[in-house]
Structures are given as structure tokens and as C-alpha cells.
Protein backbone atom coordinates (compact mmCIF):
# COMPACT_ATOMS: atom_id res chain seq x y z
CA MET A 1 27.18 136.46 91.18
CA TYR A 2 25.14 139.43 92.39
CA PHE A 3 25.97 141.49 95.48
CA LYS A 4 23.46 143.66 97.28
CA ASN A 5 26.04 146.41 97.90
CA GLU A 6 29.78 147.18 97.89
CA GLU A 7 30.24 145.96 101.43
CA ASP A 8 28.89 142.49 100.61
CA LEU A 9 31.24 142.39 97.63
CA PHE A 10 34.20 143.38 99.84
CA LYS A 11 33.31 140.73 102.43
CA GLU A 12 33.22 138.08 99.71
CA VAL A 13 36.59 139.20 98.31
CA ILE A 14 38.08 139.05 101.81
CA SER A 15 36.70 135.57 102.46
CA THR A 16 37.42 133.94 99.12
CA GLY A 17 40.47 135.82 97.88
CA LEU A 18 42.44 137.58 100.53
CA ALA A 19 42.07 135.12 103.41
CA PRO A 20 43.53 132.17 101.46
CA ALA A 21 46.47 134.32 100.34
CA VAL A 22 47.25 135.35 103.92
CA PHE A 23 46.75 131.83 105.25
CA SER A 24 49.23 130.51 102.70
CA ALA A 25 51.73 133.10 103.97
CA THR A 26 51.10 131.85 107.48
CA ALA A 27 51.59 128.23 106.41
CA LEU A 28 54.95 129.08 104.84
CA THR A 29 56.20 130.35 108.19
CA GLU A 30 55.19 127.24 110.10
CA GLU A 31 58.13 125.30 108.76
CA ASN A 32 60.15 124.91 111.94
CA ASP A 33 63.32 123.87 110.13
CA GLN A 34 64.11 127.55 109.54
CA SER A 35 65.42 130.13 111.94
CA SER A 36 62.91 132.55 113.42
CA THR A 37 64.61 135.36 111.53
CA LYS A 38 64.09 133.57 108.21
CA ARG A 39 60.49 132.70 109.12
CA LEU A 40 59.75 136.33 110.03
CA HIS A 41 61.37 137.62 106.84
CA ARG A 42 59.41 135.09 104.80
CA PHE A 43 56.12 136.07 106.43
CA LEU A 44 56.73 139.79 105.94
CA ARG A 45 57.85 139.33 102.32
CA THR A 46 54.74 137.31 101.53
CA TRP A 47 52.49 139.81 103.32
CA ARG A 48 54.16 142.64 101.37
CA CYS A 49 53.61 140.75 98.13
CA VAL A 50 49.90 140.35 98.91
CA MET A 51 49.61 144.02 99.81
CA TYR A 52 51.58 145.56 96.94
CA GLU A 53 51.54 143.08 94.09
CA THR A 54 47.92 141.95 94.08
CA PRO A 55 44.64 143.84 93.78
CA PHE A 56 43.88 143.00 97.43
CA GLY A 57 46.12 145.80 98.60
CA ASN A 58 43.81 148.36 97.03
CA LEU A 59 40.82 146.88 98.81
CA LEU A 60 42.64 147.07 102.13
CA LYS A 61 43.61 150.68 101.51
CA LEU A 62 39.96 151.49 100.84
CA LEU A 63 38.81 149.71 103.99
CA ALA A 64 41.47 151.51 106.04
CA ALA A 65 40.56 154.89 104.58
CA GLU A 66 36.81 154.51 105.01
CA PRO A 67 36.11 152.06 107.84
CA GLY A 68 32.87 153.83 108.78
CA ASN A 69 31.44 153.13 105.33
CA PHE A 70 32.18 149.39 105.48
CA PRO A 71 32.09 148.38 109.17
CA ASP A 72 31.14 144.74 108.59
CA ALA A 73 33.85 144.24 105.98
CA VAL A 74 36.43 145.81 108.29
CA GLN A 75 35.29 143.57 111.14
CA ARG A 76 35.51 140.47 108.93
CA PHE A 77 39.01 141.50 107.83
CA ASN A 78 40.10 142.06 111.43
CA GLU A 79 38.66 138.78 112.64
CA SER A 80 39.64 136.52 109.78
CA ILE A 81 42.96 137.95 108.67
CA LEU A 82 44.61 140.43 111.02
CA ARG A 83 44.05 138.26 114.07
CA GLN A 84 45.71 135.29 112.32
CA ALA A 85 48.60 137.42 111.04
CA LYS A 86 49.17 138.84 114.51
CA ARG A 87 49.19 135.35 116.07
CA THR A 88 51.69 134.19 113.46
CA MET A 89 54.05 137.10 114.06
CA ILE A 90 53.81 136.73 117.84
CA SER A 91 54.56 133.03 117.58
CA ILE A 92 57.62 133.64 115.41
CA VAL A 93 58.96 136.38 117.68
CA GLU A 94 58.35 134.33 120.83
CA ALA A 95 60.17 131.37 119.29
CA GLY A 96 63.08 133.66 118.37
CA ILE A 97 63.23 135.02 121.90
CA ALA A 98 62.98 131.57 123.48
CA GLY A 99 65.75 130.30 121.23
CA GLY A 100 67.99 133.29 121.98
CA GLU A 101 67.85 134.44 118.37
CA PHE A 102 66.22 137.78 119.18
């Protein structure tokens, strides 16, 4: 596959590689038979694994260090991944608060 520039390559990696990894982390935390503490730990462990034990972490470091050079890729990452991760964490924390766990 040919990419016009680095940014198009990054956007493709985000869409086809990183997003599924993060969505699988989100799916793991939707099992309501676990405590909110366990769900939050599971989410954070999986997110950490994606960030530190896969090549995706390096891409994210590059996007964070040079957002002005890759604005569309950063926007795609924010919209497709960070927004979902934030919703997942908020949902877990709210459930923990509602259940008196936190």
C-alpha cells in the first residue's frame, strides 16, 4: 500500500491498528460481573500494555511531541481513541461511585 505522506500513514495505523487494540481494552472492562476497581485496573493495565509493549506507543509519542506536524492524525486519534477511552474511564468511575466502591 502506498501513502502520500507520513500523516496519511499515521492515520491508517491509528484506524487499523491502534483503534482495535484500544477498543478491545474497552470491551474487557464492560464485563459488569467485576468490581469497578478491578475493571479500572484491567483497563489501565491493557492501556499500558498498548502504550509500552507495542509499536503503537512510539507513534503516540511522536504525535504528542509534534502535533503541529500531523494535525489530522492527532485529530483522528483524539476523536477515535481518546474520546472512547475517556468515556470508558468515566463510566467505570461513575459506577464505582454509585456503588459506594470509590
